[in-house]
N, C-alpha and C. Protein backbone atom coordinates (compact mmCIF):
# COMPACT_ATOMS: atom_id res chain seq x y z
N UNK A 1 15.28 -1.25 -19.28
CA UNK A 1 15.76 -1.38 -17.87
C UNK A 1 16.08 -2.37 -17.39
N UNK A 2 17.34 -2.29 -16.71
CA UNK A 2 17.99 -3.51 -16.51
C UNK A 2 17.39 -4.33 -15.12
N UNK A 3 17.72 -5.45 -15.03
CA UNK A 3 17.06 -6.30 -13.99
C UNK A 3 17.46 -5.63 -12.51
N UNK A 4 18.80 -5.00 -12.57
CA UNK A 4 19.53 -4.52 -11.37
C UNK A 4 18.61 -3.36 -10.77
N UNK A 5 18.05 -2.83 -11.42
CA UNK A 5 17.19 -1.73 -10.80
C UNK A 5 15.93 -2.18 -10.03
N UNK A 6 15.45 -3.49 -10.54
CA UNK A 6 14.28 -4.01 -9.61
C UNK A 6 14.77 -4.68 -8.35
N UNK A 7 16.09 -5.02 -8.44
CA UNK A 7 16.88 -5.63 -7.10
C UNK A 7 17.14 -4.29 -6.29
N UNK A 8 17.46 -3.16 -6.71
CA UNK A 8 17.61 -2.09 -5.80
C UNK A 8 16.52 -1.39 -5.12
N UNK A 9 15.29 -1.51 -5.91
CA UNK A 9 14.06 -1.01 -5.45
C UNK A 9 12.83 -1.96 -5.85
N UNK A 10 12.64 -2.72 -4.84
CA UNK A 10 11.69 -3.80 -4.93
C UNK A 10 10.28 -3.33 -5.33
N UNK A 11 9.86 -2.20 -5.05
CA UNK A 11 8.62 -1.57 -5.27
C UNK A 11 8.40 -1.48 -6.67
N UNK A 12 9.31 -1.29 -7.37
CA UNK A 12 9.42 -1.26 -9.08
C UNK A 12 8.92 -2.54 -9.64
N UNK A 13 9.18 -3.77 -8.97
CA UNK A 13 8.63 -5.06 -9.47
C UNK A 13 7.09 -5.01 -9.45
N UNK A 14 6.42 -4.48 -8.75
CA UNK A 14 4.92 -4.32 -8.74
C UNK A 14 4.62 -3.76 -10.08
N UNK A 15 5.11 -2.72 -10.40
CA UNK A 15 4.81 -1.89 -11.78
C UNK A 15 5.03 -3.05 -12.90
N UNK A 16 6.24 -3.75 -12.83
CA UNK A 16 6.73 -4.52 -13.81
C UNK A 16 5.91 -5.74 -14.03
N UNK A 17 5.14 -6.22 -12.94
CA UNK A 17 4.42 -7.38 -12.85
C UNK A 17 3.07 -6.93 -13.53
N UNK A 18 2.55 -5.76 -13.27
CA UNK A 18 1.46 -5.20 -13.82
C UNK A 18 1.43 -5.06 -15.41
N UNK A 19 2.48 -4.64 -15.87
CA UNK A 19 2.83 -4.48 -17.21
C UNK A 19 2.85 -5.61 -17.97
N UNK A 20 3.46 -6.76 -17.35
CA UNK A 20 3.42 -7.93 -17.96
C UNK A 20 2.07 -8.56 -18.06
N UNK A 21 1.08 -8.29 -17.36
CA UNK A 21 -0.15 -9.06 -17.35
C UNK A 21 -0.79 -8.83 -18.90
N UNK A 22 -1.28 -9.82 -19.42
CA UNK A 22 -2.08 -9.72 -20.70
C UNK A 22 -3.46 -9.33 -20.55
N UNK A 23 -4.02 -8.37 -21.33
CA UNK A 23 -5.38 -7.83 -21.32
C UNK A 23 -6.31 -8.85 -21.76
N UNK A 24 -7.38 -9.14 -21.08
CA UNK A 24 -8.46 -10.27 -21.43
C UNK A 24 -9.24 -9.54 -22.28
N UNK A 25 -9.41 -10.25 -23.61
CA UNK A 25 -10.30 -9.89 -24.65
C UNK A 25 -11.86 -9.73 -24.11
N UNK A 26 -12.47 -8.90 -24.77
CA UNK A 26 -13.75 -8.68 -24.44
C UNK A 26 -14.71 -9.50 -25.13
N UNK A 27 -15.53 -10.23 -24.24
CA UNK A 27 -16.57 -11.20 -24.76
C UNK A 27 -17.94 -10.57 -24.56
N UNK A 28 -18.62 -9.96 -25.47
CA UNK A 28 -19.70 -9.29 -25.55
C UNK A 28 -20.82 -9.97 -24.90
N UNK A 29 -21.05 -11.34 -25.22
CA UNK A 29 -22.11 -12.18 -24.56
C UNK A 29 -22.11 -12.31 -23.11
N UNK A 30 -20.85 -12.40 -22.78
CA UNK A 30 -20.72 -12.54 -21.06
C UNK A 30 -20.96 -11.32 -20.45
N UNK A 31 -20.58 -10.18 -21.25
CA UNK A 31 -20.76 -8.88 -20.69
C UNK A 31 -22.39 -8.61 -20.38
N UNK A 32 -23.20 -9.04 -21.56
CA UNK A 32 -24.49 -8.66 -21.56
C UNK A 32 -25.08 -9.39 -20.56
N UNK A 33 -24.68 -10.77 -20.26
CA UNK A 33 -25.19 -11.70 -19.35
C UNK A 33 -25.04 -11.15 -17.95
N UNK A 34 -23.89 -10.79 -17.59
CA UNK A 34 -23.32 -9.98 -16.51
C UNK A 34 -24.33 -9.00 -16.19
N UNK A 35 -24.58 -8.04 -17.07
CA UNK A 35 -25.35 -6.85 -16.94
C UNK A 35 -26.80 -7.16 -16.58
N UNK A 36 -27.39 -8.53 -17.21
CA UNK A 36 -28.71 -8.84 -16.92
C UNK A 36 -28.81 -9.54 -15.44
N UNK A 37 -27.74 -10.28 -15.24
CA UNK A 37 -27.71 -10.85 -13.66
C UNK A 37 -27.78 -9.68 -12.80
N UNK A 38 -26.90 -8.72 -12.87
CA UNK A 38 -26.86 -7.59 -11.95
C UNK A 38 -28.28 -6.89 -11.69
N UNK A 39 -28.95 -6.86 -12.97
CA UNK A 39 -30.30 -6.15 -12.86
C UNK A 39 -31.31 -7.01 -12.23
N UNK A 40 -30.98 -8.35 -12.05
CA UNK A 40 -31.59 -9.53 -11.41
C UNK A 40 -33.20 -9.72 -12.33
N UNK A 41 -32.93 -9.57 -13.52
CA UNK A 41 -33.95 -10.02 -14.54
C UNK A 41 -33.62 -11.43 -15.30
N UNK A 42 -34.59 -12.22 -15.65
CA UNK A 42 -34.77 -13.46 -16.53
C UNK A 42 -34.49 -13.01 -17.94
N UNK A 43 -34.06 -14.29 -18.67
CA UNK A 43 -34.11 -14.00 -20.25
C UNK A 43 -35.54 -13.71 -20.47
N UNK A 44 -36.43 -14.15 -20.16
CA UNK A 44 -37.91 -13.76 -20.62
C UNK A 44 -38.16 -12.43 -20.29
N UNK A 45 -37.74 -11.83 -19.28
CA UNK A 45 -38.10 -10.45 -18.85
C UNK A 45 -37.07 -9.61 -19.63
N UNK A 46 -35.87 -9.94 -19.90
CA UNK A 46 -34.86 -9.20 -20.90
C UNK A 46 -35.65 -9.11 -22.26
N UNK A 47 -36.14 -10.45 -22.76
CA UNK A 47 -36.79 -10.29 -24.03
C UNK A 47 -37.90 -9.32 -24.03
N UNK A 48 -38.60 -9.26 -23.23
CA UNK A 48 -39.97 -8.39 -23.08
C UNK A 48 -39.46 -6.87 -23.16
N UNK A 49 -38.47 -6.47 -22.41
CA UNK A 49 -37.79 -5.04 -22.22
C UNK A 49 -37.16 -4.64 -23.60
N UNK A 50 -36.57 -5.63 -24.34
CA UNK A 50 -35.77 -5.17 -25.29
C UNK A 50 -36.32 -5.55 -26.83
N UNK A 51 -37.30 -6.51 -26.75
CA UNK A 51 -37.93 -6.75 -27.97
C UNK A 51 -37.38 -7.84 -28.58
N UNK A 52 -36.20 -8.49 -28.29
CA UNK A 52 -35.31 -9.31 -28.96
C UNK A 52 -35.98 -10.72 -28.38
N UNK A 53 -35.91 -11.53 -29.26
CA UNK A 53 -36.62 -13.05 -28.97
C UNK A 53 -35.74 -13.75 -27.73
N UNK A 54 -36.32 -14.40 -26.97
CA UNK A 54 -35.69 -15.07 -25.89
C UNK A 54 -34.44 -15.91 -26.47
N UNK A 55 -34.70 -16.62 -27.53
CA UNK A 55 -33.71 -17.68 -28.29
C UNK A 55 -32.62 -16.74 -28.52
N UNK A 56 -32.93 -15.64 -29.14
CA UNK A 56 -31.84 -14.70 -29.75
C UNK A 56 -30.89 -14.35 -28.68
N UNK A 57 -31.48 -13.90 -27.52
CA UNK A 57 -30.71 -13.58 -26.44
C UNK A 57 -29.77 -14.45 -25.70
N UNK A 58 -30.25 -15.76 -25.61
CA UNK A 58 -29.66 -16.74 -25.06
C UNK A 58 -28.32 -17.14 -26.00
N UNK A 59 -28.60 -16.92 -27.39
CA UNK A 59 -27.45 -17.16 -28.37
C UNK A 59 -26.57 -16.20 -28.29
N UNK A 60 -26.79 -15.05 -28.10
CA UNK A 60 -25.99 -13.76 -27.89
C UNK A 60 -25.12 -13.93 -26.48
N UNK A 61 -25.76 -14.37 -25.28
CA UNK A 61 -25.09 -14.52 -24.12
C UNK A 61 -24.17 -15.71 -24.19
N UNK A 62 -24.45 -16.69 -24.98
CA UNK A 62 -23.56 -17.99 -25.05
C UNK A 62 -22.56 -17.78 -26.21
N UNK A 63 -22.46 -16.78 -26.69
CA UNK A 63 -21.36 -16.31 -27.85
C UNK A 63 -21.88 -17.24 -29.18
N UNK A 64 -22.78 -17.55 -29.26
CA UNK A 64 -23.23 -18.50 -30.51
C UNK A 64 -23.54 -17.53 -31.66
N UNK A 65 -23.88 -16.25 -31.40
CA UNK A 65 -24.08 -15.37 -32.41
C UNK A 65 -23.50 -13.98 -31.98
N UNK A 66 -23.24 -13.31 -32.71
CA UNK A 66 -22.71 -11.97 -32.46
C UNK A 66 -23.98 -10.73 -32.72
N UNK A 67 -24.30 -10.17 -31.85
CA UNK A 67 -25.32 -9.12 -31.87
C UNK A 67 -25.16 -8.21 -33.05
N UNK A 68 -26.34 -7.53 -33.75
CA UNK A 68 -26.04 -6.45 -34.76
C UNK A 68 -25.93 -5.33 -33.96
N UNK A 69 -25.84 -4.12 -34.81
CA UNK A 69 -26.00 -2.82 -33.88
C UNK A 69 -27.06 -2.48 -33.56
N UNK A 70 -28.31 -2.92 -34.54
CA UNK A 70 -29.69 -2.66 -33.97
C UNK A 70 -29.96 -3.48 -32.75
N UNK A 71 -29.61 -4.66 -32.66
CA UNK A 71 -29.87 -5.38 -31.52
C UNK A 71 -29.07 -4.79 -30.26
N UNK A 72 -27.85 -4.35 -30.37
CA UNK A 72 -27.25 -3.64 -29.08
C UNK A 72 -27.88 -2.46 -28.76
N UNK A 73 -28.58 -1.67 -29.83
CA UNK A 73 -29.46 -0.48 -29.38
C UNK A 73 -30.59 -0.97 -28.64
N UNK A 74 -31.29 -1.87 -29.00
CA UNK A 74 -32.25 -2.52 -28.36
C UNK A 74 -31.95 -2.86 -27.02
N UNK A 75 -30.88 -3.54 -26.82
CA UNK A 75 -30.46 -3.91 -25.47
C UNK A 75 -29.97 -2.73 -24.64
N UNK A 76 -29.60 -1.90 -25.26
CA UNK A 76 -29.11 -0.67 -24.38
C UNK A 76 -30.34 0.14 -23.79
N UNK A 77 -31.44 0.21 -24.90
CA UNK A 77 -32.59 0.91 -24.49
C UNK A 77 -33.40 0.19 -23.52
N UNK A 78 -33.61 -1.24 -23.73
CA UNK A 78 -34.49 -2.09 -23.07
C UNK A 78 -33.96 -2.17 -21.59
N UNK A 79 -32.62 -2.45 -21.41
CA UNK A 79 -31.84 -2.63 -20.17
C UNK A 79 -31.53 -1.33 -19.53
N UNK A 80 -31.73 -0.16 -19.96
CA UNK A 80 -31.70 1.20 -19.69
C UNK A 80 -30.11 1.33 -19.26
N UNK A 81 -29.31 1.37 -20.15
CA UNK A 81 -27.94 1.44 -20.04
C UNK A 81 -27.45 2.30 -21.05
N UNK A 82 -26.11 2.93 -21.11
CA UNK A 82 -25.54 3.52 -22.10
C UNK A 82 -25.06 2.47 -23.07
N UNK A 83 -24.85 2.61 -24.55
CA UNK A 83 -24.26 1.85 -25.29
C UNK A 83 -22.73 1.47 -24.79
N UNK A 84 -21.86 2.52 -24.48
CA UNK A 84 -20.41 2.07 -24.09
C UNK A 84 -20.36 1.17 -23.02
N UNK A 85 -21.38 0.98 -22.07
CA UNK A 85 -21.36 0.02 -20.92
C UNK A 85 -21.25 -1.36 -21.33
N UNK A 86 -21.79 -1.51 -22.70
CA UNK A 86 -21.73 -2.90 -23.21
C UNK A 86 -20.26 -3.37 -23.63
N UNK A 87 -19.45 -2.42 -23.80
CA UNK A 87 -18.07 -2.65 -24.28
C UNK A 87 -17.01 -2.53 -23.14
N UNK A 88 -17.47 -2.24 -21.94
CA UNK A 88 -16.61 -2.15 -20.84
C UNK A 88 -15.92 -3.46 -20.72
N UNK A 89 -14.46 -3.31 -20.48
CA UNK A 89 -13.60 -4.74 -20.56
C UNK A 89 -14.16 -5.38 -19.10
N UNK A 90 -14.20 -6.78 -19.27
CA UNK A 90 -14.42 -7.63 -18.17
C UNK A 90 -13.42 -7.45 -17.16
N UNK A 91 -14.14 -7.54 -15.84
CA UNK A 91 -13.33 -7.45 -14.66
C UNK A 91 -12.41 -8.71 -14.45
N UNK A 92 -11.31 -8.62 -14.26
CA UNK A 92 -10.33 -9.77 -14.01
C UNK A 92 -10.64 -10.62 -12.68
N UNK A 93 -11.13 -12.13 -13.01
CA UNK A 93 -11.55 -12.67 -12.17
C UNK A 93 -10.27 -13.08 -11.20
N UNK A 94 -10.23 -12.93 -9.95
CA UNK A 94 -9.21 -13.42 -9.06
C UNK A 94 -9.47 -14.39 -8.13
N UNK A 95 -8.45 -15.24 -7.84
CA UNK A 95 -8.75 -16.50 -6.84
C UNK A 95 -9.13 -15.71 -5.49
N UNK A 96 -10.08 -16.42 -4.91
CA UNK A 96 -10.26 -16.12 -3.47
C UNK A 96 -9.45 -17.04 -2.50
N UNK A 97 -9.46 -16.63 -1.40
CA UNK A 97 -8.88 -17.24 -0.41
C UNK A 97 -7.37 -17.46 -0.35
N UNK A 98 -6.83 -16.53 -1.24
CA UNK A 98 -5.18 -16.54 -1.40
C UNK A 98 -4.39 -16.05 -0.24
N UNK A 99 -3.38 -16.55 0.26
CA UNK A 99 -2.59 -16.26 1.52
C UNK A 99 -1.35 -16.78 1.29
N UNK A 100 -0.58 -15.85 1.89
CA UNK A 100 1.05 -16.22 2.02
C UNK A 100 1.55 -15.73 3.28
N UNK A 101 2.06 -16.75 4.06
CA UNK A 101 2.58 -16.35 5.38
C UNK A 101 4.21 -16.24 5.27
N UNK A 102 4.63 -14.97 5.85
CA UNK A 102 6.08 -14.82 5.68
C UNK A 102 6.68 -14.96 7.29
N UNK A 103 7.21 -16.02 7.58
CA UNK A 103 8.03 -16.01 8.90
C UNK A 103 8.90 -15.07 9.34
N UNK A 104 9.04 -14.74 10.38
CA UNK A 104 10.05 -13.69 10.84
C UNK A 104 11.41 -14.05 10.26
N UNK A 105 11.90 -13.10 9.68
CA UNK A 105 13.29 -13.24 8.88
C UNK A 105 13.56 -14.33 7.88
N UNK A 106 12.25 -14.73 7.25
CA UNK A 106 12.50 -15.82 6.27
C UNK A 106 11.96 -15.19 5.00
N UNK A 107 11.77 -13.70 4.79
CA UNK A 107 11.29 -13.09 3.36
C UNK A 107 12.54 -13.27 2.64
N UNK A 108 12.39 -12.87 1.36
CA UNK A 108 13.60 -12.97 0.28
C UNK A 108 14.49 -11.53 0.54
N UNK A 109 15.81 -12.11 0.70
CA UNK A 109 16.69 -10.93 1.01
C UNK A 109 17.01 -10.18 -0.29
N UNK A 110 17.22 -8.71 -0.38
CA UNK A 110 17.78 -8.23 -1.26
C UNK A 110 18.55 -7.03 -0.74
N UNK A 111 19.88 -7.39 -0.44
CA UNK A 111 20.67 -6.14 0.26
C UNK A 111 21.15 -5.42 -1.03
N UNK A 112 21.41 -3.88 -0.75
CA UNK A 112 21.86 -3.01 -1.48
C UNK A 112 22.78 -1.92 -0.79
N UNK A 113 23.57 -1.24 -1.39
CA UNK A 113 24.16 -0.09 -0.52
C UNK A 113 23.59 0.79 0.42
N UNK A 114 22.39 1.04 -0.10
CA UNK A 114 21.44 2.07 0.96
C UNK A 114 20.44 1.14 1.67
N UNK A 115 19.91 0.19 1.38
CA UNK A 115 19.01 -0.60 2.01
C UNK A 115 19.39 -1.98 2.12
N UNK A 116 18.66 -2.70 3.04
CA UNK A 116 18.83 -4.38 3.18
C UNK A 116 17.41 -4.68 3.16
N UNK A 117 16.77 -4.86 1.96
CA UNK A 117 15.32 -5.36 1.90
C UNK A 117 15.04 -6.75 2.10
N UNK A 118 13.85 -7.10 2.58
CA UNK A 118 13.52 -8.37 3.04
C UNK A 118 12.02 -8.30 2.27
N UNK A 119 11.96 -8.88 1.05
CA UNK A 119 10.32 -8.96 0.37
C UNK A 119 9.58 -10.07 1.13
N UNK A 120 8.58 -9.64 1.12
CA UNK A 120 7.33 -10.43 1.93
C UNK A 120 6.48 -11.06 0.86
N UNK A 121 5.46 -11.89 1.17
CA UNK A 121 4.52 -12.59 0.46
C UNK A 121 5.16 -12.89 -1.01
N UNK A 122 6.30 -13.45 -1.13
CA UNK A 122 6.85 -13.76 -2.36
C UNK A 122 6.29 -14.74 -3.25
N UNK A 123 5.60 -15.59 -2.62
CA UNK A 123 4.89 -16.70 -3.39
C UNK A 123 3.75 -16.53 -4.27
N UNK A 124 3.05 -15.40 -3.75
CA UNK A 124 2.00 -14.74 -4.58
C UNK A 124 2.42 -13.98 -5.87
N UNK A 125 1.72 -14.24 -6.85
CA UNK A 125 2.04 -13.47 -8.13
C UNK A 125 0.88 -12.51 -8.43
N UNK A 126 0.96 -11.53 -9.22
CA UNK A 126 0.06 -10.63 -9.72
C UNK A 126 -0.53 -9.87 -8.41
N UNK A 127 0.20 -9.52 -7.37
CA UNK A 127 -0.22 -8.76 -6.13
C UNK A 127 -0.83 -7.40 -6.42
N UNK A 128 -1.64 -7.08 -5.77
CA UNK A 128 -2.17 -5.56 -5.85
C UNK A 128 -1.22 -4.58 -4.95
N UNK A 129 -0.62 -5.22 -3.91
CA UNK A 129 0.21 -4.59 -3.19
C UNK A 129 1.67 -5.37 -2.94
N UNK A 130 2.73 -4.66 -2.77
CA UNK A 130 3.99 -5.34 -2.49
C UNK A 130 4.56 -4.73 -1.09
N UNK A 131 4.51 -5.65 -0.19
CA UNK A 131 5.03 -5.44 1.22
C UNK A 131 6.58 -5.92 1.42
N UNK A 132 7.36 -4.98 1.97
CA UNK A 132 8.66 -5.42 2.32
C UNK A 132 9.33 -4.57 3.45
N UNK A 133 10.02 -5.24 4.20
CA UNK A 133 10.82 -4.70 5.29
C UNK A 133 12.13 -4.34 4.86
N UNK A 134 12.65 -3.17 5.24
CA UNK A 134 13.96 -2.57 5.06
C UNK A 134 14.86 -2.20 6.24
N UNK A 135 16.10 -2.32 6.35
CA UNK A 135 17.14 -1.69 7.11
C UNK A 135 17.78 -0.64 6.42
N UNK A 136 17.50 0.54 6.79
CA UNK A 136 18.13 1.58 6.02
C UNK A 136 19.62 1.79 6.69
N UNK A 137 20.45 1.44 5.51
CA UNK A 137 21.88 1.75 5.67
C UNK A 137 22.39 3.22 5.44
N UNK A 138 21.86 3.91 4.62
CA UNK A 138 21.90 5.21 4.26
C UNK A 138 22.06 6.14 5.26
N UNK A 139 23.14 7.08 5.45
CA UNK A 139 23.25 8.00 6.44
C UNK A 139 23.38 9.42 5.82
N UNK A 140 23.54 9.57 4.52
CA UNK A 140 23.46 10.88 4.00
C UNK A 140 22.89 10.94 2.74
N UNK A 141 22.23 12.16 2.36
CA UNK A 141 21.40 12.23 0.96
C UNK A 141 22.16 12.05 -0.11
N UNK A 142 23.82 12.38 0.09
CA UNK A 142 24.67 12.30 -1.08
C UNK A 142 24.72 10.65 -1.61
N UNK A 143 24.41 9.72 -0.68
CA UNK A 143 24.67 8.32 -0.99
C UNK A 143 23.67 7.80 -2.24
N UNK A 144 22.80 8.54 -2.56
CA UNK A 144 21.72 8.27 -3.44
C UNK A 144 22.19 9.08 -4.70
N UNK A 145 22.21 8.09 -5.90
CA UNK A 145 22.63 8.80 -7.04
C UNK A 145 21.50 9.58 -7.59
N UNK A 146 20.23 9.33 -7.34
CA UNK A 146 19.17 10.28 -7.88
C UNK A 146 17.90 9.84 -6.89
N UNK A 147 16.80 10.83 -7.07
CA UNK A 147 15.68 10.28 -6.49
C UNK A 147 15.10 8.93 -6.66
N UNK A 148 14.28 8.24 -5.85
CA UNK A 148 13.74 7.04 -6.38
C UNK A 148 12.37 7.60 -6.65
N UNK A 149 11.89 7.04 -7.77
CA UNK A 149 10.40 7.43 -8.36
C UNK A 149 9.95 5.99 -8.91
N UNK A 150 8.61 5.74 -8.87
CA UNK A 150 8.13 4.64 -9.49
C UNK A 150 6.63 4.88 -9.52
N UNK A 151 5.77 4.11 -10.31
CA UNK A 151 4.32 4.24 -10.31
C UNK A 151 3.84 3.63 -9.12
N UNK A 152 2.39 4.16 -8.90
CA UNK A 152 1.77 3.80 -7.55
C UNK A 152 2.11 4.67 -6.45
N UNK A 153 1.34 4.07 -5.41
CA UNK A 153 1.46 4.87 -4.05
C UNK A 153 1.79 4.05 -3.22
N UNK A 154 2.60 4.60 -2.02
CA UNK A 154 3.36 3.77 -1.15
C UNK A 154 2.88 4.16 0.31
N UNK A 155 3.05 3.34 1.19
CA UNK A 155 3.03 3.66 2.75
C UNK A 155 4.12 3.10 3.42
N UNK A 156 4.65 3.70 4.48
CA UNK A 156 5.89 3.57 5.07
C UNK A 156 5.59 3.68 6.56
N UNK A 157 6.05 2.66 7.28
CA UNK A 157 5.93 2.66 8.94
C UNK A 157 7.16 2.28 9.54
N UNK A 158 7.59 3.18 10.35
CA UNK A 158 8.84 3.14 10.99
C UNK A 158 8.66 1.95 11.91
N UNK A 159 9.43 0.91 12.14
CA UNK A 159 9.31 -0.08 13.18
C UNK A 159 10.35 0.00 14.15
N UNK A 160 11.34 0.55 13.82
CA UNK A 160 12.40 0.89 15.04
C UNK A 160 13.20 1.94 14.41
N UNK A 161 14.09 2.78 15.41
CA UNK A 161 14.89 3.75 14.92
C UNK A 161 14.43 5.02 14.66
N UNK A 162 15.32 5.83 14.05
CA UNK A 162 14.71 6.99 13.44
C UNK A 162 15.25 7.25 12.04
N UNK A 163 14.43 8.16 11.25
CA UNK A 163 14.87 8.42 10.00
C UNK A 163 14.69 9.78 9.63
N UNK A 164 15.25 10.32 8.49
CA UNK A 164 14.83 11.44 7.82
C UNK A 164 14.28 11.21 6.56
N UNK A 165 13.00 11.40 6.36
CA UNK A 165 12.30 11.18 5.16
C UNK A 165 12.33 12.40 4.19
N UNK A 166 13.02 12.21 2.93
CA UNK A 166 13.00 13.26 2.03
C UNK A 166 12.00 12.83 0.69
N UNK A 167 11.42 13.94 0.50
CA UNK A 167 10.50 13.85 -0.64
C UNK A 167 10.70 15.23 -1.43
N UNK A 168 10.54 15.08 -2.83
CA UNK A 168 10.85 15.95 -3.77
C UNK A 168 10.21 17.16 -3.63
N UNK A 169 8.91 17.30 -2.98
CA UNK A 169 8.38 18.77 -3.15
C UNK A 169 8.11 19.25 -1.49
N UNK A 170 8.67 18.60 -0.73
CA UNK A 170 8.50 19.00 0.50
C UNK A 170 9.92 18.97 1.44
N UNK A 171 9.81 19.74 2.66
CA UNK A 171 11.08 19.76 3.50
C UNK A 171 11.29 18.47 4.01
N UNK A 172 12.60 17.83 4.18
CA UNK A 172 12.88 16.52 4.86
C UNK A 172 12.11 16.63 6.12
N UNK A 173 11.46 15.38 6.66
CA UNK A 173 10.78 15.11 7.81
C UNK A 173 11.42 14.03 8.74
N UNK A 174 11.66 14.49 9.86
CA UNK A 174 12.28 13.52 10.74
C UNK A 174 11.07 12.54 11.32
N UNK A 175 11.13 11.16 11.41
CA UNK A 175 10.33 10.25 11.65
C UNK A 175 10.78 9.33 12.71
N UNK A 176 10.13 8.79 13.66
CA UNK A 176 10.45 7.83 14.66
C UNK A 176 9.63 6.49 14.73
N UNK A 177 9.85 5.54 15.66
CA UNK A 177 9.18 4.49 15.78
C UNK A 177 7.68 4.66 15.86
N UNK A 178 6.86 3.94 14.95
CA UNK A 178 5.41 4.14 15.05
C UNK A 178 4.94 5.33 14.05
N UNK A 179 5.79 5.92 13.42
CA UNK A 179 5.40 7.20 12.72
C UNK A 179 5.25 6.55 11.08
N UNK A 180 4.26 6.95 10.52
CA UNK A 180 4.16 6.48 9.06
C UNK A 180 3.79 7.86 8.24
N UNK A 181 3.92 7.30 6.94
CA UNK A 181 3.54 8.10 5.77
C UNK A 181 3.06 7.51 4.67
N UNK A 182 1.95 8.29 3.92
CA UNK A 182 1.55 7.65 2.91
C UNK A 182 1.80 8.81 1.78
N UNK A 183 2.20 8.20 0.61
CA UNK A 183 2.87 9.38 -0.43
C UNK A 183 2.41 8.61 -1.84
N UNK A 184 2.59 9.70 -2.85
CA UNK A 184 2.62 9.36 -4.23
C UNK A 184 3.91 8.96 -4.47
N UNK A 185 4.25 7.82 -5.21
CA UNK A 185 5.56 7.16 -5.17
C UNK A 185 6.34 7.74 -6.50
N UNK A 186 5.32 8.43 -7.33
CA UNK A 186 5.94 9.14 -8.68
C UNK A 186 6.85 10.23 -8.29
N UNK A 187 6.56 10.95 -7.00
CA UNK A 187 7.28 11.73 -6.32
C UNK A 187 8.58 11.43 -5.92
N UNK A 188 9.76 12.17 -6.29
CA UNK A 188 10.98 11.54 -5.75
C UNK A 188 11.08 11.64 -4.20
N UNK A 189 11.56 10.22 -3.61
CA UNK A 189 11.37 10.07 -2.26
C UNK A 189 12.95 9.24 -1.83
N UNK A 190 13.23 9.24 -0.61
CA UNK A 190 14.28 8.37 -0.09
C UNK A 190 14.37 8.59 1.31
N UNK A 191 15.20 7.57 1.95
CA UNK A 191 15.52 7.77 3.61
C UNK A 191 17.01 7.62 3.97
N UNK A 192 17.09 8.25 5.00
CA UNK A 192 18.34 8.02 5.73
C UNK A 192 18.10 7.70 7.03
N UNK A 193 18.81 6.99 7.66
CA UNK A 193 18.72 6.55 9.28
C UNK A 193 19.45 7.85 9.98
N UNK A 194 18.99 8.17 11.01
CA UNK A 194 19.54 9.20 11.92
C UNK A 194 19.83 8.61 13.30
N UNK A 195 19.15 7.33 13.52
CA UNK A 195 19.45 6.84 14.91
C UNK A 195 20.89 5.99 14.80
N UNK A 196 21.39 5.69 16.09
CA UNK A 196 22.64 5.01 16.10
C UNK A 196 22.61 3.68 15.41
N UNK A 197 21.52 2.96 15.48
CA UNK A 197 21.33 1.66 14.92
C UNK A 197 20.53 2.03 13.49
N UNK A 198 20.59 1.12 12.69
CA UNK A 198 20.05 1.42 11.24
C UNK A 198 18.26 1.26 11.64
N UNK A 199 17.61 2.19 11.07
CA UNK A 199 16.23 2.17 11.20
C UNK A 199 15.72 0.95 10.45
N UNK A 200 14.71 0.33 11.12
CA UNK A 200 13.93 -0.85 10.38
C UNK A 200 12.52 -0.24 10.05
N UNK A 201 12.22 -0.51 8.78
CA UNK A 201 10.88 0.04 8.31
C UNK A 201 10.12 -1.14 7.54
N UNK A 202 8.68 -0.91 7.47
CA UNK A 202 7.92 -1.56 6.70
C UNK A 202 7.37 -0.71 5.46
N UNK A 203 7.51 -1.24 4.24
CA UNK A 203 7.15 -0.43 3.23
C UNK A 203 5.82 -1.25 2.26
N UNK A 204 4.95 -0.61 2.10
CA UNK A 204 3.74 -1.24 1.28
C UNK A 204 3.42 -0.45 0.07
N UNK A 205 3.79 -1.18 -1.12
CA UNK A 205 3.61 -0.36 -2.49
C UNK A 205 2.33 -0.89 -3.04
N UNK A 206 1.34 0.15 -3.42
CA UNK A 206 0.18 -0.65 -4.08
C UNK A 206 0.13 0.21 -5.55
N UNK A 207 -0.51 -0.49 -6.43
CA UNK A 207 -0.75 -0.24 -7.73
C UNK A 207 -1.61 1.15 -7.76
């Protein structure tokens, strides 16, 4: 897929960023320690429940030794969890307190034949949402070469003006200032302005 398509439809960038992320390898010791912490029990209590020596548990949790299959069976039985829970991938740790302020008119501009996009919060990477504002230049359905489709879900809010919202499996819906729609972005969708001035909208795409 060429880079041009990401310029045309900014919401596709979110899916691209997600696909580019590396999958963190499973650390079994950390996973066991996390389970024990969530249960609120000490190493000594875990030792009593599982029948494994406290020193053995400590070495497993600190990745100093790998547990045998028999040890994992004892862990699952003693901690009252299913064996597959020991192999669930770790949750990716994210930074807390992240923020990115976009001043009015200072977003990243991406003009196209049908839209004039303004990307917001562009300093943050690996976002779970992609917000952007757009002015809808298109006035006819025929101005689009094809339906717009991409992974994820999308929220759209009309900031000013009037639009006709097209979606693949529904009749076109007229929308005005203050109206909003939430939809599956895998479904073909597009907008045209019906007001004298180009409609101004807010889009938020989520994974």
